[in-house]
């Protein structure tokens, strides 16, 4: 696949320029000059790595946030997340004076339609993820994000009719075997993991079709605008039924729920800053930070059980991801050699 789907409402990564120095503003150094310190490219790469790690660490620790929001359920958490994210996005758009970009996205039927579809896909993803974490199934939610890269490759074959390389086929085959092993270990299909993987894989595909027409904040704003009426209705229904916790669990709980807007947007901003500075191969490797941390939180903080059969199933999934990563690194190296050869021929 030509994109790397990212967790929690982010857009796929976009390729960066082959030379950060060439893209940077300001005067260039004279020919033959020896730089006195780290150049713009090195600084950009370092900043990109820090932003990327920050984004994925925050996404990986998200189960802890949902855990401290209990006794709020999945529907209430997601509804609050949508409403307060919309308000936070409105603040950001006002500060950055980006209302024009939002208006353009809303007027473009193709862009708006794609983002509306993406909104419902991410709502399914958020609800499933929050439900899994708040019902003691955080291990299975981490499995969903481990499987996600394999689903993206499979979508490339089924939807885009792409031809897979041998290692990609091997990874997909091993992934199917892993689902079989995990189905046996759970005694049922791991539906939480599969729902997360396919909803997010489709979300990444839809966002990839939009491409670079909208930035991350505009995209999140449109998606939350689409979902906000449903979220508001859910909050009213929960309040009317006496099951809402927003105003019944003290000031700390109230402000933690309101903070969901910031907690949603901040890692997204970090990711956007990272994607502008790093190649897709690096972003693809960084994405494993999130499920690894989610898995560790489920295992060591929530103390969820892992049977021998589940360890075997996860091991098979990790083998599939290893094959996929090796293929990605090999492809990146081959493309880099081809670009250098083309540059030499054009010189």
Protein backbone atom coordinates (compact mmCIF):
# COMPACT_ATOMS: atom_id res chain seq x y z
CA UNK A 1 0.00 0.00 0.00
CA UNK A 2 1.14 3.56 -0.62
CA UNK A 3 -0.13 4.86 2.71
CA UNK A 4 0.33 4.07 6.36
CA UNK A 5 -2.95 4.25 8.29
CA UNK A 6 -2.62 5.84 11.68
CA UNK A 7 -4.59 5.47 14.84
CA UNK A 8 -7.07 7.79 16.41
CA UNK A 9 -8.33 10.00 13.66
CA UNK A 10 -5.11 10.91 11.94
CA UNK A 11 -4.59 11.27 8.23
CA UNK A 12 -2.22 9.00 6.34
CA UNK A 13 1.34 10.15 6.13
CA UNK A 14 2.42 12.16 3.14
CA UNK A 15 5.83 11.72 1.52
CA UNK A 16 8.38 14.32 2.49
CA UNK A 17 10.83 16.05 0.20
CA UNK A 18 14.01 14.12 -0.49
CA UNK A 19 16.02 17.11 0.65
CA UNK A 20 14.82 19.06 3.66
CA UNK A 21 17.52 21.64 3.00
CA UNK A 22 16.20 22.33 -0.49
CA UNK A 23 12.71 22.88 0.90
CA UNK A 24 13.79 25.12 3.76
CA UNK A 25 13.46 28.91 3.55
CA UNK A 26 16.31 31.34 3.77
CA UNK A 27 19.65 31.71 2.02
CA UNK A 28 21.68 28.65 1.12
CA UNK A 29 25.27 28.22 2.29
CA UNK A 30 27.98 28.96 -0.25
CA UNK A 31 29.38 26.06 -2.24
CA UNK A 32 32.02 24.15 -0.37
CA UNK A 33 31.12 25.64 2.99
CA UNK A 34 31.44 23.31 5.95
CA UNK A 35 28.47 23.51 8.32
CA UNK A 36 29.37 24.38 11.90
CA UNK A 37 26.61 22.27 13.46
CA UNK A 38 23.65 20.03 12.67
CA UNK A 39 22.04 21.06 9.38
CA UNK A 40 18.35 21.78 8.78
CA UNK A 41 17.77 18.21 7.55
CA UNK A 42 19.18 16.68 10.74
CA UNK A 43 17.20 19.06 12.93
CA UNK A 44 14.02 18.31 10.99
CA UNK A 45 14.58 14.56 11.35
CA UNK A 46 15.21 14.86 15.10
CA UNK A 47 12.11 16.99 15.58
CA UNK A 48 10.08 14.61 13.42
CA UNK A 49 11.17 11.62 15.50
CA UNK A 50 10.32 13.41 18.76
CA UNK A 51 6.90 14.50 17.48
CA UNK A 52 6.19 11.01 16.09
CA UNK A 53 7.21 9.21 19.28
CA UNK A 54 5.17 11.71 21.30
CA UNK A 55 2.07 11.07 19.19
CA UNK A 56 2.28 7.29 19.37
CA UNK A 57 3.15 7.23 23.07
CA UNK A 58 0.06 9.35 23.80
CA UNK A 59 -2.10 7.04 21.66
CA UNK A 60 -0.55 4.00 23.33
CA UNK A 61 -1.35 5.32 26.82
CA UNK A 62 -4.93 6.23 25.91
CA UNK A 63 -6.36 3.14 27.72
CA UNK A 64 -5.20 4.66 31.02
CA UNK A 65 -7.28 7.77 30.30
CA UNK A 66 -10.38 5.71 29.54
CA UNK A 67 -9.80 3.66 32.66
CA UNK A 68 -9.79 6.70 34.97
CA UNK A 69 -12.99 7.95 33.29
CA UNK A 70 -14.94 4.96 34.61
CA UNK A 71 -17.78 4.53 35.53
CA UNK A 72 -18.48 6.40 32.27
CA UNK A 73 -19.31 3.89 29.54
CA UNK A 74 -18.11 3.73 25.95
CA UNK A 75 -21.05 5.70 24.49
CA UNK A 76 -20.70 8.55 26.96
CA UNK A 77 -16.93 8.76 26.57
CA UNK A 78 -17.11 8.84 22.77
CA UNK A 79 -20.00 11.33 22.77
CA UNK A 80 -18.07 13.70 25.03
CA UNK A 81 -14.95 13.18 22.99
CA UNK A 82 -16.74 14.24 19.79
CA UNK A 83 -18.41 17.33 21.29
CA UNK A 84 -15.36 18.68 23.13
CA UNK A 85 -13.06 17.85 20.20
CA UNK A 86 -15.28 19.99 17.97
CA UNK A 87 -15.05 22.92 20.39
CA UNK A 88 -11.28 22.53 20.69
CA UNK A 89 -10.92 22.36 16.89
CA UNK A 90 -13.01 25.54 16.57
CA UNK A 91 -10.60 27.25 18.97
CA UNK A 92 -7.58 26.04 17.01
CA UNK A 93 -9.09 27.12 13.69
CA UNK A 94 -9.80 30.55 15.15
CA UNK A 95 -6.25 30.92 16.49
CA UNK A 96 -4.68 29.75 13.21
CA UNK A 97 -7.20 31.69 11.09
CA UNK A 98 -8.06 28.57 9.11
CA UNK A 99 -11.80 29.13 8.71
CA UNK A 100 -11.28 29.58 4.98
CA UNK A 101 -9.81 26.09 4.62
CA UNK A 102 -12.75 24.65 6.56
CA UNK A 103 -15.23 26.47 4.32
CA UNK A 104 -13.51 25.10 1.20
CA UNK A 105 -13.69 21.54 2.58
CA UNK A 106 -17.40 21.93 3.42
CA UNK A 107 -18.23 23.26 -0.07
CA UNK A 108 -16.39 20.49 -1.93
CA UNK A 109 -18.95 17.67 -2.14
CA UNK A 110 -16.37 14.99 -2.82
CA UNK A 111 -14.19 16.01 0.11
CA UNK A 112 -17.14 16.44 2.48
CA UNK A 113 -18.66 13.11 1.42
CA UNK A 114 -15.38 11.31 2.00
CA UNK A 115 -14.90 12.92 5.39
CA UNK A 116 -18.50 12.14 6.39
CA UNK A 117 -17.89 8.47 5.58
CA UNK A 118 -14.59 8.63 7.46
CA UNK A 119 -16.44 10.12 10.44
CA UNK A 120 -18.78 7.12 10.75
CA UNK A 121 -15.89 4.68 10.33
CA UNK A 122 -13.87 6.38 13.07
CA UNK A 123 -16.98 6.49 15.30
CA UNK A 124 -17.26 2.69 14.98
CA UNK A 125 -13.54 2.45 15.74
CA UNK A 126 -13.71 4.74 18.80
CA UNK A 127 -16.79 3.01 20.22
CA UNK A 128 -15.29 -0.45 19.78
CA UNK A 129 -11.96 0.61 21.23
CA UNK A 130 -13.47 2.35 24.24
CA UNK A 131 -15.84 -0.56 24.85
CA UNK A 132 -12.91 -3.00 24.78
CA UNK A 133 -10.83 -0.99 27.24
CA UNK A 134 -13.68 -0.29 29.68
CA UNK A 135 -14.84 -3.93 29.74
CA UNK A 136 -11.46 -5.49 30.53
CA UNK A 137 -10.50 -6.45 26.97
CA UNK A 138 -7.62 -4.05 26.34
CA UNK A 139 -5.35 -6.89 25.17
CA UNK A 140 -7.73 -7.58 22.31
CA UNK A 141 -7.89 -3.88 21.41
CA UNK A 142 -4.10 -3.82 21.07
CA UNK A 143 -4.38 -6.87 18.82
CA UNK A 144 -6.64 -4.86 16.50
CA UNK A 145 -3.93 -2.26 15.92
CA UNK A 146 -1.31 -4.96 15.46
CA UNK A 147 -3.48 -6.53 12.74
CA UNK A 148 -4.29 -3.17 11.12
CA UNK A 149 -1.24 -3.00 8.78
CA UNK A 150 -2.12 -6.46 7.44
CA UNK A 151 -5.70 -5.34 6.79
CA UNK A 152 -4.39 -2.30 4.91
CA UNK A 153 -2.34 -4.56 2.65
CA UNK A 154 -5.39 -6.80 2.11
CA UNK A 155 -7.51 -3.78 1.19
CA UNK A 156 -4.89 -2.88 -1.39
CA UNK A 157 -5.54 -6.21 -3.09
CA UNK A 158 -9.33 -6.30 -2.77
CA UNK A 159 -10.15 -2.62 -3.42
CA UNK A 160 -7.23 -1.14 -5.33
CA UNK A 161 -6.34 -4.37 -7.18
CA UNK A 162 -2.70 -3.98 -6.22
CA UNK A 163 -0.17 -6.71 -6.83
CA UNK A 164 1.58 -7.82 -3.67
CA UNK A 165 5.21 -8.71 -3.37
CA UNK A 166 6.09 -12.23 -2.08
CA UNK A 167 6.85 -11.09 1.49
CA UNK A 168 3.55 -9.18 1.61
CA UNK A 169 1.67 -12.31 0.54
CA UNK A 170 3.53 -14.28 3.20
CA UNK A 171 2.62 -11.70 5.85
CA UNK A 172 -1.07 -11.80 4.90
CA UNK A 173 -1.07 -15.62 4.94
CA UNK A 174 0.58 -15.71 8.37
CA UNK A 175 -1.95 -13.12 9.53
CA UNK A 176 -4.86 -15.37 8.53
CA UNK A 177 -3.22 -18.24 10.43
CA UNK A 178 -2.90 -15.97 13.48
CA UNK A 179 -6.63 -15.17 13.39
CA UNK A 180 -7.32 -18.90 13.33
CA UNK A 181 -5.09 -19.52 16.36
CA UNK A 182 -6.64 -16.60 18.26
CA UNK A 183 -10.16 -17.74 17.41
CA UNK A 184 -9.31 -21.09 18.97
CA UNK A 185 -7.74 -19.47 22.05
CA UNK A 186 -10.67 -17.07 22.62
CA UNK A 187 -13.29 -19.70 21.78
CA UNK A 188 -14.82 -17.19 19.31
CA UNK A 189 -13.74 -14.76 16.62
CA UNK A 190 -11.75 -11.88 18.18
CA UNK A 191 -14.43 -9.51 16.93
CA UNK A 192 -13.17 -6.48 18.85
CA UNK A 193 -9.73 -6.76 17.22
CA UNK A 194 -11.17 -7.45 13.76
CA UNK A 195 -13.67 -4.57 14.01
CA UNK A 196 -10.88 -2.20 15.05
CA UNK A 197 -8.56 -3.39 12.29
CA UNK A 198 -11.11 -3.26 9.47
CA UNK A 199 -12.83 -0.03 10.55
CA UNK A 200 -9.49 1.72 10.83
CA UNK A 201 -8.14 0.15 7.65
CA UNK A 202 -11.19 1.43 5.74
CA UNK A 203 -10.86 4.80 7.49
CA UNK A 204 -7.26 5.08 6.31
CA UNK A 205 -8.32 4.12 2.79
CA UNK A 206 -11.07 6.78 2.70
CA UNK A 207 -8.75 9.45 4.10
CA UNK A 208 -6.12 8.49 1.52
CA UNK A 209 -8.64 9.22 -1.24
CA UNK A 210 -8.97 12.75 0.10
CA UNK A 211 -5.19 13.07 -0.01
CA UNK A 212 -3.61 16.43 0.69
CA UNK A 213 -6.79 18.45 0.05
CA UNK A 214 -7.37 18.99 3.78
CA UNK A 215 -5.01 19.35 6.72
CA UNK A 216 -5.34 17.32 9.92
CA UNK A 217 -7.27 19.91 11.96
CA UNK A 218 -9.70 20.70 9.12
CA UNK A 219 -10.27 16.99 8.60
CA UNK A 220 -10.91 16.33 12.30
CA UNK A 221 -13.20 19.40 12.45
CA UNK A 222 -15.38 18.19 9.58
CA UNK A 223 -15.55 14.66 11.00
CA UNK A 224 -16.57 15.87 14.45
CA UNK A 225 -19.12 18.28 12.88
CA UNK A 226 -20.75 15.29 11.19
CA UNK A 227 -20.83 13.27 14.41
CA UNK A 228 -21.63 16.12 16.84
CA UNK A 229 -25.47 16.02 16.44
CA UNK A 230 -25.51 12.28 17.20
CA UNK A 231 -23.11 12.78 20.08
CA UNK A 232 -25.23 15.59 21.54
CA UNK A 233 -28.37 13.43 21.32
CA UNK A 234 -26.53 10.58 23.06
CA UNK A 235 -25.46 12.91 25.89
CA UNK A 236 -29.03 14.19 26.32
CA UNK A 237 -30.48 10.65 26.34
CA UNK A 238 -27.91 9.49 28.90
CA UNK A 239 -28.61 12.52 31.10
CA UNK A 240 -32.38 12.03 30.84
CA UNK A 241 -32.00 8.37 31.78
CA UNK A 242 -29.87 9.19 34.80
CA UNK A 243 -26.86 7.23 33.52
CA UNK A 244 -24.65 10.18 32.51
CA UNK A 245 -21.60 10.70 34.72
CA UNK A 246 -20.45 14.09 33.40
CA UNK A 247 -22.00 16.07 36.26
CA UNK A 248 -22.47 13.34 38.86
CA UNK A 249 -18.93 12.17 39.68
CA UNK A 250 -17.35 15.35 40.97
CA UNK A 251 -15.34 18.20 39.48
CA UNK A 252 -12.31 16.04 38.65
CA UNK A 253 -14.36 13.67 36.52
CA UNK A 254 -16.12 16.59 34.84
CA UNK A 255 -12.89 18.26 33.76
CA UNK A 256 -11.33 14.96 32.70
CA UNK A 257 -14.24 14.37 30.32
CA UNK A 258 -13.97 17.92 28.98
CA UNK A 259 -10.25 17.35 28.42
CA UNK A 260 -11.07 14.66 25.85
CA UNK A 261 -11.02 17.34 23.15
CA UNK A 262 -7.42 18.26 23.94
CA UNK A 263 -6.42 14.62 24.40
CA UNK A 264 -7.82 13.83 20.96
CA UNK A 265 -6.25 16.78 19.13
CA UNK A 266 -2.76 17.05 20.68
CA UNK A 267 -1.36 13.70 19.44
CA UNK A 268 -2.95 14.44 16.07
CA UNK A 269 -1.01 17.72 15.90
CA UNK A 270 2.17 15.90 16.94
CA UNK A 271 1.61 13.34 14.23
CA UNK A 272 1.04 16.02 11.59
CA UNK A 273 4.32 17.69 12.57
CA UNK A 274 6.09 14.34 12.38
CA UNK A 275 4.63 13.33 9.00
CA UNK A 276 5.90 16.55 7.42
CA UNK A 277 9.47 15.79 8.52
CA UNK A 278 9.88 12.00 8.19
CA UNK A 279 9.70 9.52 5.31
CA UNK A 280 6.79 7.08 5.29
CA UNK A 281 9.07 4.13 6.10
CA UNK A 282 10.00 5.73 9.44
CA UNK A 283 6.37 6.60 10.16
CA UNK A 284 5.45 3.00 9.37
CA UNK A 285 7.92 1.74 11.96
CA UNK A 286 6.89 4.28 14.59
CA UNK A 287 3.24 3.17 14.34
CA UNK A 288 4.05 0.00 16.30
CA UNK A 289 4.70 2.11 19.42
CA UNK A 290 0.95 2.48 20.04
CA UNK A 291 -0.17 -1.20 20.10
CA UNK A 292 2.96 -2.25 21.97
CA UNK A 293 2.21 0.28 24.73
CA UNK A 294 -1.49 -0.66 24.73
CA UNK A 295 -0.49 -4.32 25.12
CA UNK A 296 1.89 -3.52 27.98
CA UNK A 297 -0.73 -1.40 29.77
CA UNK A 298 -3.28 -4.22 29.46
CA UNK A 299 -0.78 -6.79 30.72
CA UNK A 300 1.04 -4.96 33.52
CA UNK A 301 -1.44 -2.29 34.66
CA UNK A 302 -4.85 -3.87 34.05
CA UNK A 303 -3.48 -7.39 34.78
CA UNK A 304 -5.47 -8.99 31.97
CA UNK A 305 -4.93 -12.72 31.49
CA UNK A 306 -2.83 -14.14 28.63
CA UNK A 307 -3.12 -17.88 28.09
CA UNK A 308 -0.47 -19.92 26.30
CA UNK A 309 -2.72 -20.15 23.24
CA UNK A 310 -3.08 -16.35 23.13
CA UNK A 311 0.67 -15.88 23.42
CA UNK A 312 1.06 -18.21 20.45
CA UNK A 313 -1.56 -16.27 18.49
CA UNK A 314 0.10 -12.94 19.24
CA UNK A 315 3.45 -14.46 18.33
CA UNK A 316 2.13 -15.45 14.91
CA UNK A 317 0.77 -11.90 14.42
CA UNK A 318 4.17 -10.45 15.32
CA UNK A 319 5.81 -12.82 12.82
CA UNK A 320 3.47 -11.49 10.11
CA UNK A 321 4.37 -7.91 11.07
CA UNK A 322 8.07 -8.78 10.95
CA UNK A 323 7.66 -10.04 7.38
CA UNK A 324 5.72 -6.89 6.46
CA UNK A 325 8.38 -4.66 8.04
CA UNK A 326 11.22 -6.47 6.23
CA UNK A 327 9.38 -5.99 2.94
CA UNK A 328 8.83 -2.30 3.71
CA UNK A 329 12.51 -1.73 4.52
CA UNK A 330 13.63 -3.65 1.44
CA UNK A 331 11.28 -1.65 -0.78
CA UNK A 332 12.43 1.64 0.75
CA UNK A 333 16.08 0.73 0.17
CA UNK A 334 15.37 -0.28 -3.43
CA UNK A 335 13.51 2.98 -4.08
CA UNK A 336 16.33 4.99 -2.51
CA UNK A 337 18.91 3.32 -4.76
CA UNK A 338 16.71 3.98 -7.81
CA UNK A 339 16.35 7.67 -6.89
CA UNK A 340 20.11 8.07 -6.44
CA UNK A 341 20.76 6.39 -9.78
CA UNK A 342 18.22 8.65 -11.50
CA UNK A 343 19.81 11.71 -9.87
CA UNK A 344 23.27 10.70 -11.11
CA UNK A 345 21.96 10.19 -14.65
CA UNK A 346 20.27 13.59 -14.61
CA UNK A 347 23.36 15.38 -13.27
